[in-house]
Amino acid sequence: MHPPRTIAALCLLLTGTSLSAATASASQTLQVNISPAASFSTSSYSFTLTKSGSLFISSGRFTGYTANLTLLYQARTGAASTTAGITVKATSDFAPAGGPAIASGPVLTYTCAGPTLGTGCTGVQTVSTVSATRVVTLPAMACTGGGSPCSNGDPNSATMSFFLPDDPKYRTGFYTTNLQFTISGI
């Protein structure tokens, strides 16, 4: 028979051995792909061109119709961005027939002002039903909010001023068209 001290020592030795665990570690690679991103909204989803100034200008012609639209946008562009920005296109001509016609004129035009990120269009631009025209161009490695290297504004904004000549041949009535805005961070 074993003395009680031997059994206790043997139990302690076995318990200590069975309680100690091997330590293992593993390493994992964590990756994130931060892609270019962009979002867009406007100050109003419906706006109306209104008569500007008096009925006639000095040349005896009718004055045109005008409206301003504020664009709100957020963007993060890639290192090789070449097409990043905001474009606009009319999805159809004015309806019903008998009023202004984007496709055959007189033309609906716009100018751009004050983009807080990127460069606005230069000069007078023509809205088309065939192809989109550039409103704001965003540079590579640009981003919204937070200060340097990003813009201070969040969201960023730009203003478009629209003009439609008033041609005397238009029939009276209410005419509508849809403008499709597209923003890209690529």
C-alpha atoms as a PDB file:
ATOM      1  CA  MET A   1       0.000   0.000   0.000  1.00  0.00           C
ATOM      2  CA  HIS A   2       1.118   3.515  -0.761  1.00  0.00           C
ATOM      3  CA  PRO A   3       1.467   6.077   1.925  1.00  0.00           C
ATOM      4  CA  PRO A   4      -1.071   8.972   1.744  1.00  0.00           C
ATOM      5  CA  ARG A   5       1.669  11.442   0.769  1.00  0.00           C
ATOM      6  CA  THR A   6       2.615   9.414  -2.277  1.00  0.00           C
ATOM      7  CA  ILE A   7      -0.998   9.211  -3.440  1.00  0.00           C
ATOM      8  CA  ALA A   8      -1.465  12.950  -2.895  1.00  0.00           C
ATOM      9  CA  ALA A   9       1.738  13.723  -4.823  1.00  0.00           C
ATOM     10  CA  LEU A  10       0.739  11.352  -7.583  1.00  0.00           C
ATOM     11  CA  CYS A  11      -2.758  12.968  -7.767  1.00  0.00           C
ATOM     12  CA  LEU A  12      -1.202  16.449  -7.827  1.00  0.00           C
ATOM     13  CA  LEU A  13       1.200  15.422 -10.550  1.00  0.00           C
ATOM     14  CA  LEU A  14      -1.583  13.852 -12.634  1.00  0.00           C
ATOM     15  CA  THR A  15      -3.956  16.755 -11.987  1.00  0.00           C
ATOM     16  CA  GLY A  16      -1.330  19.323 -12.866  1.00  0.00           C
ATOM     17  CA  THR A  17      -0.530  17.469 -16.061  1.00  0.00           C
ATOM     18  CA  SER A  18      -4.152  17.086 -17.025  1.00  0.00           C
ATOM     19  CA  LEU A  19      -4.998  20.765 -16.288  1.00  0.00           C
ATOM     20  CA  SER A  20      -2.173  22.240 -18.288  1.00  0.00           C
ATOM     21  CA  ALA A  21      -3.198  22.815 -21.888  1.00  0.00           C
ATOM     22  CA  ALA A  22      -1.160  23.301 -24.963  1.00  0.00           C
ATOM     23  CA  THR A  23      -1.300  26.823 -26.414  1.00  0.00           C
ATOM     24  CA  ALA A  24      -1.984  27.267 -30.081  1.00  0.00           C
ATOM     25  CA  SER A  25      -2.317  30.334 -32.203  1.00  0.00           C
ATOM     26  CA  ALA A  26      -3.323  30.983 -35.750  1.00  0.00           C
ATOM     27  CA  SER A  27      -3.166  34.059 -37.862  1.00  0.00           C
ATOM     28  CA  GLN A  28      -5.779  35.130 -40.369  1.00  0.00           C
ATOM     29  CA  THR A  29      -5.547  37.786 -43.059  1.00  0.00           C
ATOM     30  CA  LEU A  30      -8.347  40.326 -42.921  1.00  0.00           C
ATOM     31  CA  GLN A  31      -8.963  42.253 -46.132  1.00  0.00           C
ATOM     32  CA  VAL A  32     -11.350  45.032 -47.075  1.00  0.00           C
ATOM     33  CA  ASN A  33     -11.951  46.370 -50.553  1.00  0.00           C
ATOM     34  CA  ILE A  34     -12.942  50.041 -50.290  1.00  0.00           C
ATOM     35  CA  SER A  35     -14.492  50.847 -53.620  1.00  0.00           C
ATOM     36  CA  PRO A  36     -15.432  54.130 -55.238  1.00  0.00           C
ATOM     37  CA  ALA A  37     -18.879  55.181 -54.070  1.00  0.00           C
ATOM     38  CA  ALA A  38     -21.382  57.893 -54.875  1.00  0.00           C
ATOM     39  CA  SER A  39     -24.851  59.034 -53.839  1.00  0.00           C
ATOM     40  CA  PHE A  40     -27.094  61.748 -55.199  1.00  0.00           C
ATOM     41  CA  SER A  41     -30.232  63.710 -54.392  1.00  0.00           C
ATOM     42  CA  THR A  42     -31.708  67.083 -55.279  1.00  0.00           C
ATOM     43  CA  SER A  43     -33.329  69.881 -53.346  1.00  0.00           C
ATOM     44  CA  SER A  44     -36.595  69.004 -55.107  1.00  0.00           C
ATOM     45  CA  TYR A  45     -37.682  66.034 -57.187  1.00  0.00           C
ATOM     46  CA  SER A  46     -39.980  68.225 -59.237  1.00  0.00           C
ATOM     47  CA  PHE A  47     -39.323  71.769 -60.320  1.00  0.00           C
ATOM     48  CA  THR A  48     -40.987  74.255 -62.644  1.00  0.00           C
ATOM     49  CA  LEU A  49     -39.523  76.591 -65.223  1.00  0.00           C
ATOM     50  CA  THR A  50     -41.063  80.028 -64.644  1.00  0.00           C
ATOM     51  CA  LYS A  51     -41.233  83.145 -66.791  1.00  0.00           C
ATOM     52  CA  SER A  52     -38.193  85.337 -66.253  1.00  0.00           C
ATOM     53  CA  GLY A  53     -38.530  89.117 -66.240  1.00  0.00           C
ATOM     54  CA  SER A  54     -41.067  91.022 -68.295  1.00  0.00           C
ATOM     55  CA  LEU A  55     -43.023  89.542 -71.165  1.00  0.00           C
ATOM     56  CA  PHE A  56     -40.770  91.009 -73.871  1.00  0.00           C
ATOM     57  CA  ILE A  57     -37.088  91.786 -73.970  1.00  0.00           C
ATOM     58  CA  SER A  58     -35.816  94.844 -75.850  1.00  0.00           C
ATOM     59  CA  SER A  59     -35.613  93.010 -79.179  1.00  0.00           C
ATOM     60  CA  GLY A  60     -39.373  92.385 -79.098  1.00  0.00           C
ATOM     61  CA  ARG A  61     -39.053  88.638 -78.454  1.00  0.00           C
ATOM     62  CA  PHE A  62     -40.650  86.776 -75.596  1.00  0.00           C
ATOM     63  CA  THR A  63     -38.443  86.267 -72.548  1.00  0.00           C
ATOM     64  CA  GLY A  64     -37.600  82.700 -71.592  1.00  0.00           C
ATOM     65  CA  TYR A  65     -38.361  80.407 -68.680  1.00  0.00           C
ATOM     66  CA  THR A  66     -35.841  79.717 -65.914  1.00  0.00           C
ATOM     67  CA  ALA A  67     -35.378  77.519 -62.859  1.00  0.00           C
ATOM     68  CA  ASN A  68     -32.585  76.668 -60.448  1.00  0.00           C
ATOM     69  CA  LEU A  69     -31.949  73.212 -59.043  1.00  0.00           C
ATOM     70  CA  THR A  70     -29.559  72.376 -56.208  1.00  0.00           C
ATOM     71  CA  LEU A  71     -27.787  69.027 -56.509  1.00  0.00           C
ATOM     72  CA  LEU A  72     -26.652  67.250 -53.332  1.00  0.00           C
ATOM     73  CA  TYR A  73     -24.031  64.525 -53.636  1.00  0.00           C
ATOM     74  CA  GLN A  74     -21.464  62.426 -51.799  1.00  0.00           C
ATOM     75  CA  ALA A  75     -18.559  60.689 -53.457  1.00  0.00           C
ATOM     76  CA  ARG A  76     -15.346  58.756 -52.998  1.00  0.00           C
ATOM     77  CA  THR A  77     -13.483  58.381 -56.270  1.00  0.00           C
ATOM     78  CA  GLY A  78     -10.803  55.877 -57.186  1.00  0.00           C
ATOM     79  CA  ALA A  79      -7.138  56.510 -57.904  1.00  0.00           C
ATOM     80  CA  ALA A  80      -7.631  56.175 -61.646  1.00  0.00           C
ATOM     81  CA  SER A  81     -11.065  57.778 -61.942  1.00  0.00           C
ATOM     82  CA  THR A  82     -11.634  59.198 -65.397  1.00  0.00           C
ATOM     83  CA  THR A  83     -15.415  59.342 -65.684  1.00  0.00           C
ATOM     84  CA  ALA A  84     -16.393  60.249 -62.127  1.00  0.00           C
ATOM     85  CA  GLY A  85     -19.028  62.921 -61.837  1.00  0.00           C
ATOM     86  CA  ILE A  86     -22.651  63.854 -62.441  1.00  0.00           C
ATOM     87  CA  THR A  87     -24.398  63.849 -65.811  1.00  0.00           C
ATOM     88  CA  VAL A  88     -27.915  64.754 -66.959  1.00  0.00           C
ATOM     89  CA  LYS A  89     -30.073  63.576 -69.848  1.00  0.00           C
ATOM     90  CA  ALA A  90     -33.714  64.104 -70.763  1.00  0.00           C
ATOM     91  CA  THR A  91     -35.405  60.703 -70.976  1.00  0.00           C
ATOM     92  CA  SER A  92     -38.001  62.044 -73.415  1.00  0.00           C
ATOM     93  CA  ASP A  93     -39.108  65.212 -75.105  1.00  0.00           C
ATOM     94  CA  PHE A  94     -41.644  67.549 -73.508  1.00  0.00           C
ATOM     95  CA  ALA A  95     -45.182  66.181 -73.609  1.00  0.00           C
ATOM     96  CA  PRO A  96     -47.795  66.712 -74.855  1.00  0.00           C
ATOM     97  CA  ALA A  97     -46.872  67.754 -78.386  1.00  0.00           C
ATOM     98  CA  GLY A  98     -47.222  71.379 -79.430  1.00  0.00           C
ATOM     99  CA  GLY A  99     -44.918  72.859 -76.818  1.00  0.00           C
ATOM    100  CA  PRO A 100     -41.181  73.006 -76.371  1.00  0.00           C
ATOM    101  CA  ALA A 101     -39.147  70.256 -78.019  1.00  0.00           C
ATOM    102  CA  ILE A 102     -35.740  69.276 -76.637  1.00  0.00           C
ATOM    103  CA  ALA A 103     -34.820  67.301 -79.728  1.00  0.00           C
ATOM    104  CA  SER A 104     -35.644  69.978 -82.321  1.00  0.00           C
ATOM    105  CA  GLY A 105     -35.343  73.208 -80.327  1.00  0.00           C
ATOM    106  CA  PRO A 106     -35.415  75.820 -79.175  1.00  0.00           C
ATOM    107  CA  VAL A 107     -33.115  74.080 -76.791  1.00  0.00           C
ATOM    108  CA  LEU A 108     -33.279  73.562 -73.050  1.00  0.00           C
ATOM    109  CA  THR A 109     -29.933  74.711 -71.663  1.00  0.00           C
ATOM    110  CA  TYR A 110     -28.242  74.930 -68.286  1.00  0.00           C
ATOM    111  CA  THR A 111     -25.224  76.397 -66.556  1.00  0.00           C
ATOM    112  CA  CYS A 112     -23.457  75.097 -63.451  1.00  0.00           C
ATOM    113  CA  ALA A 113     -22.286  77.003 -60.397  1.00  0.00           C
ATOM    114  CA  GLY A 114     -20.477  76.451 -57.128  1.00  0.00           C
ATOM    115  CA  PRO A 115     -19.706  72.743 -56.839  1.00  0.00           C
ATOM    116  CA  THR A 116     -18.195  72.138 -53.395  1.00  0.00           C
ATOM    117  CA  LEU A 117     -16.380  69.055 -54.712  1.00  0.00           C
ATOM    118  CA  GLY A 118     -15.167  68.768 -58.290  1.00  0.00           C
ATOM    119  CA  THR A 119     -15.450  71.118 -61.241  1.00  0.00           C
ATOM    120  CA  GLY A 120     -18.719  72.414 -62.640  1.00  0.00           C
ATOM    121  CA  CYS A 121     -19.527  72.552 -66.337  1.00  0.00           C
ATOM    122  CA  THR A 122     -18.207  75.541 -68.221  1.00  0.00           C
ATOM    123  CA  GLY A 123     -20.392  77.780 -70.334  1.00  0.00           C
ATOM    124  CA  VAL A 124     -23.894  76.955 -71.484  1.00  0.00           C
ATOM    125  CA  GLN A 125     -24.707  73.244 -71.843  1.00  0.00           C
ATOM    126  CA  THR A 126     -27.554  71.759 -73.874  1.00  0.00           C
ATOM    127  CA  VAL A 127     -29.851  69.093 -72.454  1.00  0.00           C
ATOM    128  CA  SER A 128     -30.192  66.180 -74.874  1.00  0.00           C
ATOM    129  CA  THR A 129     -32.520  63.218 -75.260  1.00  0.00           C
ATOM    130  CA  VAL A 130     -29.723  61.303 -77.015  1.00  0.00           C
ATOM    131  CA  SER A 131     -26.673  61.572 -74.766  1.00  0.00           C
ATOM    132  CA  ALA A 132     -25.924  62.710 -71.235  1.00  0.00           C
ATOM    133  CA  THR A 133     -24.037  65.947 -70.662  1.00  0.00           C
ATOM    134  CA  ARG A 134     -21.597  66.602 -67.830  1.00  0.00           C
ATOM    135  CA  VAL A 135     -22.744  68.714 -64.869  1.00  0.00           C
ATOM    136  CA  VAL A 136     -19.887  68.095 -62.383  1.00  0.00           C
ATOM    137  CA  THR A 137     -16.549  66.360 -62.979  1.00  0.00           C
ATOM    138  CA  LEU A 138     -14.989  64.690 -59.933  1.00  0.00           C
ATOM    139  CA  PRO A 139     -11.200  64.274 -59.781  1.00  0.00           C
ATOM    140  CA  ALA A 140      -9.385  61.071 -58.866  1.00  0.00           C
ATOM    141  CA  MET A 141      -8.925  60.446 -55.124  1.00  0.00           C
ATOM    142  CA  ALA A 142     -11.695  62.901 -54.154  1.00  0.00           C
ATOM    143  CA  CYS A 143     -14.005  62.365 -51.200  1.00  0.00           C
ATOM    144  CA  THR A 144     -16.880  63.986 -49.353  1.00  0.00           C
ATOM    145  CA  GLY A 145     -16.702  65.283 -45.790  1.00  0.00           C
ATOM    146  CA  GLY A 146     -14.237  65.287 -42.947  1.00  0.00           C
ATOM    147  CA  GLY A 147     -11.804  67.906 -44.247  1.00  0.00           C
ATOM    148  CA  SER A 148      -8.424  67.343 -45.834  1.00  0.00           C
ATOM    149  CA  PRO A 149      -7.902  65.388 -48.011  1.00  0.00           C
ATOM    150  CA  CYS A 150     -11.702  65.291 -48.418  1.00  0.00           C
ATOM    151  CA  SER A 151     -14.018  68.254 -48.901  1.00  0.00           C
ATOM    152  CA  ASN A 152     -15.353  70.077 -45.862  1.00  0.00           C
ATOM    153  CA  GLY A 153     -18.962  69.836 -47.046  1.00  0.00           C
ATOM    154  CA  ASP A 154     -21.144  66.806 -46.393  1.00  0.00           C
ATOM    155  CA  PRO A 155     -23.091  66.484 -48.569  1.00  0.00           C
ATOM    156  CA  ASN A 156     -21.462  68.400 -51.396  1.00  0.00           C
ATOM    157  CA  SER A 157     -23.635  70.650 -53.542  1.00  0.00           C
ATOM    158  CA  ALA A 158     -23.797  72.374 -56.912  1.00  0.00           C
ATOM    159  CA  THR A 159     -26.440  74.557 -58.556  1.00  0.00           C
ATOM    160  CA  MET A 160     -27.853  74.168 -62.053  1.00  0.00           C
ATOM    161  CA  SER A 161     -29.627  77.097 -63.711  1.00  0.00           C
ATOM    162  CA  PHE A 162     -31.962  76.041 -66.533  1.00  0.00           C
ATOM    163  CA  PHE A 163     -33.192  78.217 -69.394  1.00  0.00           C
ATOM    164  CA  LEU A 164     -35.837  77.477 -72.034  1.00  0.00           C
ATOM    165  CA  PRO A 165     -36.524  80.107 -74.700  1.00  0.00           C
ATOM    166  CA  ASP A 166     -40.164  81.131 -75.088  1.00  0.00           C
ATOM    167  CA  ASP A 167     -41.008  80.553 -78.728  1.00  0.00           C
ATOM    168  CA  PRO A 168     -44.292  82.219 -79.804  1.00  0.00           C
ATOM    169  CA  LYS A 169     -45.263  79.038 -81.725  1.00  0.00           C
ATOM    170  CA  TYR A 170     -45.737  77.073 -78.460  1.00  0.00           C
ATOM    171  CA  ARG A 171     -49.346  76.299 -77.720  1.00  0.00           C
ATOM    172  CA  THR A 172     -50.470  77.311 -74.258  1.00  0.00           C
ATOM    173  CA  GLY A 173     -50.551  74.555 -71.667  1.00  0.00           C
ATOM    174  CA  PHE A 174     -48.500  72.608 -69.178  1.00  0.00           C
ATOM    175  CA  TYR A 175     -45.628  70.496 -70.569  1.00  0.00           C
ATOM    176  CA  THR A 176     -43.401  67.996 -68.761  1.00  0.00           C
ATOM    177  CA  THR A 177     -40.257  65.977 -69.324  1.00  0.00           C
ATOM    178  CA  ASN A 178     -38.048  63.856 -67.078  1.00  0.00           C
ATOM    179  CA  LEU A 179     -34.396  64.548 -66.435  1.00  0.00           C
ATOM    180  CA  GLN A 180     -32.220  61.605 -65.514  1.00  0.00           C
ATOM    181  CA  PHE A 181     -29.208  62.401 -63.343  1.00  0.00           C
ATOM    182  CA  THR A 182     -26.390  59.867 -62.995  1.00  0.00           C
ATOM    183  CA  ILE A 183     -23.484  60.027 -60.553  1.00  0.00           C
ATOM    184  CA  SER A 184     -20.418  57.839 -60.775  1.00  0.00           C
ATOM    185  CA  GLY A 185     -17.387  57.477 -58.497  1.00  0.00           C
ATOM    186  CA  ILE A 186     -15.437  55.484 -61.079  1.00  0.00           C
END
